[in-house]
Amino acid sequence: MHISDEVYLVGGGIATCFGLSNDPDCHVYLIDGGDELALIDCGMAAGDSLERILANVRAEGLDPAKITKIIVTHYHMDHAGGAARFRERLGAEVIAPAGAADALRTGDERAVALDVAKAAGFYAQDYRFEPVEVAREVREGDRIPVGRLELEVVETPGHCDGHASYLLQGRDRRFLFAGDAVFSGGRVVLQNIHDCSIQKSADSIAKLAGLEFDALLPGHAAICLDGGMAHVATAHKACASLFVPKNLGA
């Protein structure tokens, strides 16, 4: 799905709205930097999901062989569970927030609350988290080049530890890839897991509310090509009033 000359939506399960790949994949975005492509998150690569995503890249007239980076927002399986398979298939380097890197390298299911998610029925009991080599750990303010483009790292813990969002200045728009930090309508996803924090989420939303961008591209649900800051402002207003933003799907 063409979003702009630099950004495409190439994956995401039916539960995320678009049905471009298998459930429970998050939105998988592709950045076209000219001589280099990068994925923002990659989903789980369950079933034929990886092949569907690569087919979507080809359908946009782009060559998957030019994907050199897989940039994850956080370590939950619907965002990063397929990183090892994508890395093996494409030879791309995996880039992750510093706070998520150890869990990705070790496949620590307890650290990423996969054990709890399995118990809740969100993932199959026989699903296994495949560890993946992380080539680069990124922190607040770091820059990630993608061809002629560049992403800026914004640390946004709260939904879980080791969560980051990414800013991209495109030709016509400034994009915020928000992962699961905040969603359209000013909603959030707060879960009963060990590393989800209302206060950290509120602090991250306040940080995002201080940024300038046009498009809000979250990990699930609707995307907003213009006026994205207003959605973050809605979440920030709720937090500033001592309340919690509405939960996505509530």
Protein backbone atom coordinates (compact mmCIF):
# COMPACT_ATOMS: atom_id res chain seq x y z
CA MET A 1 0.00 0.00 0.00
CA HIS A 2 1.56 3.27 -1.16
CA ILE A 3 1.63 5.90 1.59
CA SER A 4 4.17 8.29 0.09
CA ASP A 5 7.16 8.19 -2.25
CA GLU A 6 9.25 7.07 0.72
CA VAL A 7 6.87 4.95 2.82
CA TYR A 8 4.76 1.87 2.10
CA LEU A 9 2.58 -0.41 4.22
CA VAL A 10 3.53 -3.96 3.21
CA GLY A 11 2.24 -6.13 6.05
CA GLY A 12 -0.32 -6.41 8.81
CA GLY A 13 -2.97 -8.95 9.73
CA ILE A 14 -6.73 -8.60 9.40
CA ALA A 15 -6.89 -7.72 13.09
CA THR A 16 -4.73 -4.65 12.36
CA CYS A 17 -7.24 -3.52 9.68
CA PHE A 18 -5.50 -4.21 6.37
CA GLY A 19 -5.00 -7.97 6.00
CA LEU A 20 -1.76 -7.62 4.05
CA SER A 21 -0.15 -10.51 5.93
CA ASN A 22 -1.17 -13.04 8.57
CA ASP A 23 -2.57 -12.44 12.04
CA PRO A 24 -1.37 -11.33 14.49
CA ASP A 25 1.18 -9.31 12.49
CA CYS A 26 1.42 -5.64 13.34
CA HIS A 27 1.61 -3.03 10.57
CA VAL A 28 4.85 -3.62 8.69
CA TYR A 29 6.18 -0.49 7.02
CA LEU A 30 8.76 -0.24 4.25
CA ILE A 31 11.04 2.78 3.86
CA ASP A 32 12.44 3.47 0.40
CA GLY A 33 15.70 5.38 0.64
CA GLY A 34 16.56 4.89 -3.02
CA ASP A 35 19.48 2.49 -3.11
CA GLU A 36 18.45 0.96 0.23
CA LEU A 37 15.18 -0.26 1.75
CA ALA A 38 14.30 -0.94 5.39
CA LEU A 39 11.42 -2.54 7.26
CA ILE A 40 9.92 -1.00 10.38
CA ASP A 41 8.89 -4.11 12.34
CA CYS A 42 8.34 -7.42 10.57
CA GLY A 43 5.51 -9.29 12.25
CA MET A 44 5.78 -12.95 13.24
CA ALA A 45 6.60 -14.56 9.87
CA ALA A 46 4.03 -17.24 10.73
CA GLY A 47 2.79 -19.47 7.91
CA ASP A 48 3.32 -17.72 4.58
CA SER A 49 3.38 -14.25 6.12
CA LEU A 50 7.01 -13.54 5.19
CA GLU A 51 6.34 -14.44 1.57
CA ARG A 52 3.20 -12.32 1.50
CA ILE A 53 5.13 -9.32 2.79
CA LEU A 54 7.89 -9.75 0.20
CA ALA A 55 5.24 -10.16 -2.52
CA ASN A 56 3.71 -6.87 -1.40
CA VAL A 57 7.12 -5.21 -1.73
CA ARG A 58 7.45 -6.53 -5.28
CA ALA A 59 3.91 -5.40 -6.09
CA GLU A 60 5.02 -1.84 -5.33
CA GLY A 61 7.77 -2.18 -7.95
CA LEU A 62 10.52 -2.54 -5.35
CA ASP A 63 13.16 -5.24 -4.94
CA PRO A 64 13.19 -7.09 -1.59
CA ALA A 65 16.90 -7.78 -2.12
CA LYS A 66 17.48 -4.09 -1.36
CA ILE A 67 16.09 -4.50 2.19
CA THR A 68 19.23 -4.15 4.29
CA LYS A 69 17.74 -3.24 7.67
CA ILE A 70 14.96 -4.59 9.88
CA ILE A 71 14.25 -1.90 12.46
CA VAL A 72 12.07 -3.05 15.34
CA THR A 73 10.09 -0.81 17.68
CA HIS A 74 9.95 -3.36 20.52
CA TYR A 75 10.27 -7.04 21.30
CA HIS A 76 6.66 -8.26 21.29
CA MET A 77 6.10 -11.16 18.92
CA ASP A 78 3.57 -9.46 16.64
CA HIS A 79 6.27 -6.87 15.89
CA ALA A 80 9.57 -8.77 16.07
CA GLY A 81 8.85 -12.49 16.32
CA GLY A 82 9.80 -13.01 12.68
CA ALA A 83 13.06 -11.06 12.80
CA ALA A 84 15.27 -14.17 12.72
CA ARG A 85 13.52 -15.54 9.64
CA PHE A 86 13.62 -12.21 7.82
CA ARG A 87 17.30 -11.84 8.66
CA GLU A 88 18.04 -15.33 7.37
CA ARG A 89 16.03 -14.80 4.19
CA LEU A 90 17.27 -11.31 3.31
CA GLY A 91 20.68 -11.10 4.97
CA ALA A 92 19.51 -7.83 6.51
CA GLU A 93 20.83 -6.48 9.80
CA VAL A 94 18.47 -6.20 12.74
CA ILE A 95 18.40 -2.86 14.56
CA ALA A 96 16.64 -2.64 17.92
CA PRO A 97 16.25 -0.35 20.92
CA ALA A 98 19.03 -1.00 23.45
CA GLY A 99 16.49 -2.06 26.06
CA ALA A 100 15.10 -4.76 23.78
CA ALA A 101 18.33 -6.15 22.34
CA ASP A 102 19.21 -8.73 25.02
CA ALA A 103 15.77 -10.34 24.94
CA LEU A 104 15.87 -10.52 21.14
CA ARG A 105 19.32 -12.11 21.18
CA THR A 106 18.43 -14.73 23.80
CA GLY A 107 14.80 -15.44 22.85
CA ASP A 108 13.84 -14.95 26.50
CA GLU A 109 10.10 -15.63 26.48
CA ARG A 110 9.57 -14.49 30.07
CA ALA A 111 11.35 -11.17 29.48
CA VAL A 112 8.99 -10.33 26.60
CA ALA A 113 5.91 -11.63 28.49
CA LEU A 114 5.35 -14.33 25.88
CA ASP A 115 4.67 -16.84 28.67
CA VAL A 116 1.80 -14.67 29.91
CA ALA A 117 0.50 -14.10 26.38
CA LYS A 118 0.46 -17.86 25.75
CA ALA A 119 -1.41 -18.45 29.00
CA ALA A 120 -3.97 -15.85 27.91
CA GLY A 121 -4.44 -17.65 24.59
CA PHE A 122 -2.97 -14.87 22.46
CA TYR A 123 -0.30 -17.18 21.03
CA ALA A 124 -0.29 -20.96 20.54
CA GLN A 125 1.33 -23.00 23.30
CA ASP A 126 3.81 -24.53 20.85
CA TYR A 127 4.96 -21.16 19.47
CA ARG A 128 8.64 -20.50 20.12
CA PHE A 129 10.45 -17.16 20.14
CA GLU A 130 13.39 -17.50 17.75
CA PRO A 131 16.43 -15.54 18.99
CA VAL A 132 18.02 -13.20 16.48
CA GLU A 133 21.38 -11.47 16.18
CA VAL A 134 21.03 -7.73 16.77
CA ALA A 135 23.62 -5.86 14.75
CA ARG A 136 22.99 -2.44 16.28
CA GLU A 137 21.44 -1.17 19.48
CA VAL A 138 19.97 2.34 19.31
CA ARG A 139 19.16 4.94 21.93
CA GLU A 140 17.51 8.34 22.23
CA GLY A 141 18.65 10.72 19.51
CA ASP A 142 20.53 8.13 17.44
CA ARG A 143 20.20 8.32 13.67
CA ILE A 144 19.62 5.36 11.37
CA PRO A 145 20.46 5.95 7.70
CA VAL A 146 18.31 4.30 5.02
CA GLY A 147 19.81 5.32 1.70
CA ARG A 148 19.22 9.04 1.26
CA LEU A 149 16.84 9.10 4.25
CA GLU A 150 17.44 9.06 8.00
CA LEU A 151 15.41 7.96 11.00
CA GLU A 152 15.72 9.59 14.41
CA VAL A 153 15.28 7.38 17.48
CA VAL A 154 12.84 8.45 20.20
CA GLU A 155 12.76 6.21 23.27
CA THR A 156 9.11 5.59 24.26
CA PRO A 157 8.82 2.93 26.99
CA GLY A 158 5.50 2.32 28.71
CA HIS A 159 3.69 -0.20 26.54
CA CYS A 160 6.73 -2.27 27.44
CA ASP A 161 10.37 -1.71 28.31
CA GLY A 162 12.80 -1.24 25.44
CA HIS A 163 10.26 0.48 23.18
CA ALA A 164 11.27 3.12 20.63
CA SER A 165 9.51 5.23 18.03
CA TYR A 166 11.14 6.63 14.91
CA LEU A 167 10.88 9.99 13.14
CA LEU A 168 11.39 10.30 9.40
CA GLN A 169 11.53 13.51 7.39
CA GLY A 170 10.11 12.71 3.98
CA ARG A 171 9.81 14.90 0.94
CA ASP A 172 6.30 16.11 1.75
CA ARG A 173 5.62 14.89 5.29
CA ARG A 174 7.30 14.16 8.59
CA PHE A 175 6.38 10.66 9.76
CA LEU A 176 6.23 9.23 13.27
CA PHE A 177 6.45 5.43 13.39
CA ALA A 178 4.97 5.05 16.86
CA GLY A 179 4.92 1.28 17.31
CA ASP A 180 2.57 0.63 20.23
CA ALA A 181 3.32 3.87 22.10
CA VAL A 182 0.13 5.63 20.94
CA PHE A 183 -2.58 5.07 18.35
CA SER A 184 -5.13 7.03 16.34
CA GLY A 185 -7.80 8.63 18.47
CA GLY A 186 -5.26 9.08 21.25
CA ARG A 187 -5.60 5.47 22.37
CA VAL A 188 -2.98 3.25 23.96
CA VAL A 189 -2.49 -0.45 24.73
CA LEU A 190 -1.90 -1.05 28.42
CA GLN A 191 -1.63 -4.70 29.38
CA ASN A 192 -1.37 -6.71 32.59
CA ILE A 193 2.27 -7.68 32.02
CA HIS A 194 5.36 -7.10 34.13
CA ASP A 195 6.95 -4.30 32.10
CA CYS A 196 3.89 -2.26 31.12
CA SER A 197 3.79 1.04 33.02
CA ILE A 198 1.10 3.72 33.02
CA GLN A 199 3.58 6.35 34.26
CA LYS A 200 6.23 5.50 31.67
CA SER A 201 3.57 5.50 28.96
CA ALA A 202 2.37 8.94 30.09
CA ASP A 203 5.94 10.25 30.05
CA SER A 204 6.50 8.88 26.55
CA ILE A 205 3.26 10.38 25.29
CA ALA A 206 4.30 13.75 26.76
CA LYS A 207 7.60 13.46 24.88
CA LEU A 208 5.82 12.64 21.61
CA ALA A 209 3.39 15.52 22.17
CA GLY A 210 6.38 17.87 22.08
CA LEU A 211 7.47 16.72 18.61
CA GLU A 212 6.42 18.04 15.23
CA PHE A 213 5.21 15.59 12.60
CA ASP A 214 2.43 15.19 10.07
CA ALA A 215 1.73 11.46 9.79
CA LEU A 216 1.11 9.12 12.72
CA LEU A 217 1.94 5.57 11.65
CA PRO A 218 1.22 3.26 14.60
CA GLY A 219 1.67 -0.48 14.88
CA HIS A 220 -2.04 -1.27 14.66
CA ALA A 221 -5.41 0.19 13.65
CA ALA A 222 -5.91 3.35 11.59
CA ILE A 223 -3.04 5.36 10.17
CA CYS A 224 -3.13 9.15 9.96
CA LEU A 225 -1.38 10.84 7.04
CA ASP A 226 -2.01 14.40 8.25
CA GLY A 227 -2.88 15.86 11.62
CA GLY A 228 -1.11 13.09 13.49
CA MET A 229 -0.07 15.42 16.29
CA ALA A 230 -3.73 15.94 17.27
CA HIS A 231 -4.10 12.25 18.09
CA VAL A 232 -1.06 12.31 20.37
CA ALA A 233 -2.37 15.53 21.94
CA THR A 234 -5.62 13.72 22.82
CA ALA A 235 -3.68 11.05 24.69
CA HIS A 236 -1.50 13.66 26.38
CA LYS A 237 -4.55 15.63 27.53
CA ALA A 238 -5.97 12.53 29.22
CA CYS A 239 -2.67 11.88 31.02
CA ALA A 240 -2.34 15.54 32.07
CA SER A 241 -5.82 15.30 33.60
CA LEU A 242 -4.65 12.38 35.79
CA PHE A 243 -6.58 9.86 33.70
CA VAL A 244 -5.42 7.10 31.37
CA PRO A 245 -6.10 7.29 27.61
CA LYS A 246 -8.67 4.84 26.29
CA ASN A 247 -7.31 1.41 25.52
CA LEU A 248 -7.28 0.36 21.88
CA GLY A 249 -10.25 -1.90 21.22
CA ALA A 250 -12.06 -0.80 24.38
